[in-house]
Amino acid sequence: MSKLRKLFFIIGITIVIGFFLLLPFFVKVKTVCVSQYGACPPQIELGIENKTPASLYSTKNKIKKFLKSQLIVSNYSTQFKLPDILIVNIIIKKPSFVLKNDSNQEILIDKDGFVLGTGYNSALPEIDLTGNLKKVGEIIDQDQLFALNLISGVNEMYQVRTGEIQDNTLVVELPSGIKVIFPLNGDSQVLLGSLRLIYSKIQNNNQNVKYSQIDLRFKNPVLKISR
């Protein structure tokens, strides 16, 4: 290869590299948002939408800053497609619980206690309580998270989805009509194990004794007989 051809080759490579390096600053892009469920939630869609197409560089920076502030998003990636489309792939955190208050306000909670949003999900374990609820982005109280983990365990064992916080306790009614009272601290697995053991013995009781309540707040659980 002659020196002239080598020179043209180097210039050509430099131009191509320069083009791709400068491309993000000049190409105007439109955004498309998708999640693992298909469409993105409306608040996410609105936050990343380019009402006026901007450069790929500035759009990616805007999206990065916005998505970092969204607790509902656990991860994301972007993919540029010629000529002018930026695809934003996001992973949405799944809510694990619902908290509802006496004003019929409802919030969705993740497994760590973060409030992901407002709304209702009839398939999730739910706790009813009195008073104000935390706002989106805040963390619920530890006793509330403890109660939610308890009702989740009760739901797995007995398909009971709802409970209520009353006087610093969690009250749950089992399908048989027996009321269970949990403390709002301690070891949730020990409490659930105790419930399973006691309730199994009650169901297998051959002495025709009917119970109305299991109180697990004490070292030795207290059973109340129906009158």
Protein backbone atom coordinates (compact mmCIF):
# COMPACT_ATOMS: atom_id res chain seq x y z
CA MET A 1 0.00 0.00 0.00
CA SER A 2 1.40 3.35 -1.05
CA LYS A 3 1.93 6.12 1.44
CA LEU A 4 -0.91 8.09 -0.17
CA ARG A 5 -3.35 5.21 0.17
CA LYS A 6 -2.29 4.69 3.76
CA LEU A 7 -2.91 8.36 4.43
CA PHE A 8 -6.40 8.22 2.89
CA PHE A 9 -7.12 5.03 4.87
CA ILE A 10 -6.11 6.67 8.17
CA ILE A 11 -8.13 9.78 7.34
CA GLY A 12 -11.16 7.61 6.51
CA ILE A 13 -10.88 5.66 9.77
CA THR A 14 -10.51 8.92 11.70
CA ILE A 15 -13.62 10.35 10.07
CA VAL A 16 -15.67 7.23 10.87
CA ILE A 17 -14.49 7.16 14.49
CA GLY A 18 -15.10 10.89 14.81
CA PHE A 19 -18.60 10.46 13.39
CA PHE A 20 -19.56 7.84 15.98
CA LEU A 21 -17.96 9.84 18.78
CA LEU A 22 -19.84 13.00 17.84
CA LEU A 23 -23.10 11.27 16.88
CA PRO A 24 -24.63 11.48 20.40
CA PHE A 25 -24.23 15.26 20.38
CA PHE A 26 -25.91 15.90 17.03
CA VAL A 27 -28.57 13.26 16.36
CA LYS A 28 -32.02 14.16 17.71
CA VAL A 29 -33.88 11.21 19.22
CA LYS A 30 -37.37 10.14 20.19
CA THR A 31 -37.85 7.88 23.21
CA VAL A 32 -39.72 4.60 23.48
CA CYS A 33 -40.20 3.09 26.94
CA VAL A 34 -40.80 -0.61 27.59
CA SER A 35 -40.83 -2.68 30.79
CA GLN A 36 -40.88 -6.38 31.61
CA TYR A 37 -44.69 -6.09 31.57
CA GLY A 38 -44.87 -4.36 28.20
CA ALA A 39 -45.83 -0.70 28.50
CA CYS A 40 -44.18 1.51 31.11
CA PRO A 41 -46.22 3.03 33.95
CA PRO A 42 -47.72 6.39 32.89
CA GLN A 43 -45.61 8.41 35.36
CA ILE A 44 -42.42 6.86 33.97
CA GLU A 45 -43.55 7.32 30.37
CA LEU A 46 -44.27 10.99 31.03
CA GLY A 47 -40.94 11.53 32.80
CA ILE A 48 -38.74 10.26 29.97
CA GLU A 49 -40.82 11.49 27.05
CA ASN A 50 -39.12 13.94 24.69
CA LYS A 51 -41.79 16.53 23.96
CA THR A 52 -39.16 18.32 21.84
CA PRO A 53 -36.58 15.91 20.39
CA ALA A 54 -33.15 16.54 21.91
CA SER A 55 -29.69 15.11 21.29
CA LEU A 56 -28.95 11.51 22.18
CA TYR A 57 -26.40 12.66 24.76
CA SER A 58 -28.69 15.08 26.60
CA THR A 59 -31.65 12.70 26.42
CA LYS A 60 -29.67 9.85 27.99
CA ASN A 61 -28.48 12.16 30.78
CA LYS A 62 -32.03 13.34 31.43
CA ILE A 63 -33.31 9.76 31.56
CA LYS A 64 -30.52 8.66 33.90
CA LYS A 65 -31.25 11.49 36.33
CA PHE A 66 -35.00 10.93 36.21
CA LEU A 67 -34.97 7.14 36.64
CA LYS A 68 -32.55 7.34 39.57
CA SER A 69 -35.25 9.28 41.43
CA GLN A 70 -37.94 6.68 40.74
CA LEU A 71 -38.10 4.06 43.49
CA ILE A 72 -40.40 1.93 41.40
CA VAL A 73 -37.53 1.32 38.94
CA SER A 74 -34.97 -1.28 40.02
CA ASN A 75 -32.81 -1.17 36.85
CA TYR A 76 -32.77 0.13 33.31
CA SER A 77 -30.82 0.14 30.06
CA THR A 78 -30.96 2.15 26.83
CA GLN A 79 -30.57 1.07 23.22
CA PHE A 80 -30.13 3.45 20.29
CA LYS A 81 -31.67 2.39 16.98
CA LEU A 82 -31.02 4.22 13.76
CA PRO A 83 -32.07 6.66 12.61
CA ASP A 84 -33.45 8.42 15.72
CA ILE A 85 -35.02 6.06 18.29
CA LEU A 86 -33.79 5.59 21.87
CA ILE A 87 -35.39 2.55 23.50
CA VAL A 88 -35.49 2.65 27.30
CA ASN A 89 -35.83 -0.79 28.90
CA ILE A 90 -36.80 -0.63 32.57
CA ILE A 91 -37.28 -3.23 35.28
CA ILE A 92 -40.18 -2.33 37.55
CA LYS A 93 -40.07 -3.30 41.22
CA LYS A 94 -42.94 -5.53 42.19
CA PRO A 95 -45.02 -4.46 45.18
CA SER A 96 -45.34 -7.13 47.86
CA PHE A 97 -47.95 -5.65 50.20
CA VAL A 98 -50.80 -3.15 50.53
CA LEU A 99 -51.42 -0.79 53.45
CA LYS A 100 -54.90 0.71 53.80
CA ASN A 101 -56.14 3.25 56.34
CA ASP A 102 -59.56 4.20 57.69
CA SER A 103 -59.88 6.93 55.03
CA ASN A 104 -59.70 4.27 52.28
CA GLN A 105 -56.28 5.46 51.17
CA GLU A 106 -54.03 2.68 49.90
CA ILE A 107 -50.32 2.42 49.22
CA LEU A 108 -48.21 -0.28 47.58
CA ILE A 109 -45.17 -1.48 49.53
CA ASP A 110 -42.13 -3.44 48.38
CA LYS A 111 -40.47 -6.20 50.42
CA ASP A 112 -38.08 -3.70 52.07
CA GLY A 113 -40.82 -1.34 53.23
CA PHE A 114 -40.53 1.37 50.56
CA VAL A 115 -43.74 2.99 49.35
CA LEU A 116 -43.76 2.43 45.59
CA GLY A 117 -47.01 4.14 44.79
CA THR A 118 -50.69 4.56 45.56
CA GLY A 119 -53.45 2.29 44.43
CA TYR A 120 -54.93 -1.10 45.09
CA ASN A 121 -53.90 -4.66 44.28
CA SER A 122 -56.44 -7.26 45.33
CA ALA A 123 -53.94 -10.12 45.06
CA LEU A 124 -51.46 -8.81 47.65
CA PRO A 125 -51.47 -9.32 51.43
CA GLU A 126 -53.10 -6.29 53.04
CA ILE A 127 -53.03 -4.62 56.45
CA ASP A 128 -55.73 -2.15 57.55
CA LEU A 129 -54.79 0.50 60.10
CA THR A 130 -55.91 3.81 61.58
CA GLY A 131 -54.08 7.02 60.79
CA ASN A 132 -51.99 8.56 58.04
CA LEU A 133 -49.99 6.57 55.52
CA LYS A 134 -46.45 7.24 54.35
CA LYS A 135 -45.88 9.01 51.05
CA VAL A 136 -44.34 7.59 47.89
CA GLY A 137 -40.59 7.18 48.38
CA GLU A 138 -40.78 6.95 52.16
CA ILE A 139 -40.24 3.86 54.31
CA ILE A 140 -43.07 2.54 56.45
CA ASP A 141 -42.63 1.95 60.19
CA GLN A 142 -40.87 -1.27 61.19
CA ASP A 143 -43.86 -2.58 63.13
CA GLN A 144 -46.02 -2.14 60.02
CA LEU A 145 -43.49 -4.03 57.88
CA PHE A 146 -43.36 -6.73 60.56
CA ALA A 147 -47.16 -7.02 60.44
CA LEU A 148 -47.11 -7.23 56.62
CA ASN A 149 -44.60 -10.08 56.71
CA LEU A 150 -46.82 -11.88 59.22
CA ILE A 151 -49.96 -11.55 57.12
CA SER A 152 -47.97 -12.70 54.10
CA GLY A 153 -47.05 -15.86 56.01
CA VAL A 154 -50.64 -16.39 57.17
CA ASN A 155 -51.78 -15.95 53.57
CA GLU A 156 -49.38 -18.65 52.38
CA MET A 157 -50.57 -21.08 55.05
CA TYR A 158 -54.31 -20.39 55.20
CA GLN A 159 -55.13 -18.15 52.22
CA VAL A 160 -56.09 -15.27 54.51
CA ARG A 161 -55.02 -12.06 52.78
CA THR A 162 -56.09 -9.33 55.19
CA GLY A 163 -55.37 -8.35 58.78
CA GLU A 164 -55.77 -5.29 60.95
CA ILE A 165 -53.48 -3.41 63.30
CA GLN A 166 -55.34 -2.78 66.56
CA ASP A 167 -53.83 -1.48 69.82
CA ASN A 168 -50.23 -2.30 68.77
CA THR A 169 -51.14 -5.83 67.69
CA LEU A 170 -51.97 -7.55 64.41
CA VAL A 171 -55.38 -9.21 64.42
CA VAL A 172 -56.17 -11.86 61.82
CA GLU A 173 -59.28 -13.98 61.45
CA LEU A 174 -58.75 -17.52 60.13
CA PRO A 175 -61.28 -19.30 57.87
CA SER A 176 -62.66 -21.20 60.87
CA GLY A 177 -63.56 -17.92 62.58
CA ILE A 178 -60.73 -18.13 65.13
CA LYS A 179 -59.12 -14.76 65.83
CA VAL A 180 -55.32 -14.67 66.04
CA ILE A 181 -53.50 -11.88 67.88
CA PHE A 182 -49.84 -11.28 66.97
CA PRO A 183 -47.34 -8.92 68.61
CA LEU A 184 -45.67 -6.39 66.29
CA ASN A 185 -42.13 -7.44 67.16
CA GLY A 186 -40.12 -10.58 67.73
CA ASP A 187 -39.32 -13.41 65.32
CA SER A 188 -41.97 -13.66 62.61
CA GLN A 189 -40.99 -17.20 61.67
CA VAL A 190 -41.30 -18.38 65.27
CA LEU A 191 -44.72 -16.74 65.56
CA LEU A 192 -45.95 -18.29 62.33
CA GLY A 193 -44.57 -21.67 63.34
CA SER A 194 -46.36 -21.44 66.68
CA LEU A 195 -49.60 -20.58 64.93
CA ARG A 196 -49.29 -23.53 62.57
CA LEU A 197 -48.63 -25.94 65.44
CA ILE A 198 -51.42 -24.63 67.69
CA TYR A 199 -54.00 -24.35 64.91
CA SER A 200 -53.22 -27.89 63.73
CA LYS A 201 -53.84 -29.22 67.24
CA ILE A 202 -57.08 -27.28 67.49
CA GLN A 203 -58.31 -28.67 64.18
CA ASN A 204 -57.45 -32.21 65.26
CA ASN A 205 -59.10 -31.76 68.66
CA ASN A 206 -61.37 -34.67 69.50
CA GLN A 207 -62.79 -33.27 72.74
CA ASN A 208 -65.42 -31.07 71.06
CA VAL A 209 -63.81 -27.97 72.55
CA LYS A 210 -64.26 -24.93 70.35
CA TYR A 211 -61.75 -22.08 70.47
CA SER A 212 -62.38 -18.49 69.48
CA GLN A 213 -58.94 -16.89 69.91
CA ILE A 214 -55.20 -17.60 69.81
CA ASP A 215 -53.11 -14.92 71.51
CA LEU A 216 -49.44 -15.14 70.56
CA ARG A 217 -48.25 -12.07 72.46
CA PHE A 218 -46.97 -14.13 75.37
CA LYS A 219 -44.21 -16.69 75.82
CA ASN A 220 -46.90 -19.28 76.41
CA PRO A 221 -49.71 -18.63 73.86
CA VAL A 222 -53.15 -18.10 75.36
CA LEU A 223 -56.19 -19.87 73.87
CA LYS A 224 -59.71 -18.63 74.47
CA ILE A 225 -62.59 -21.10 74.46
CA SER A 226 -65.84 -20.21 72.74
CA ARG A 227 -68.78 -19.69 75.06
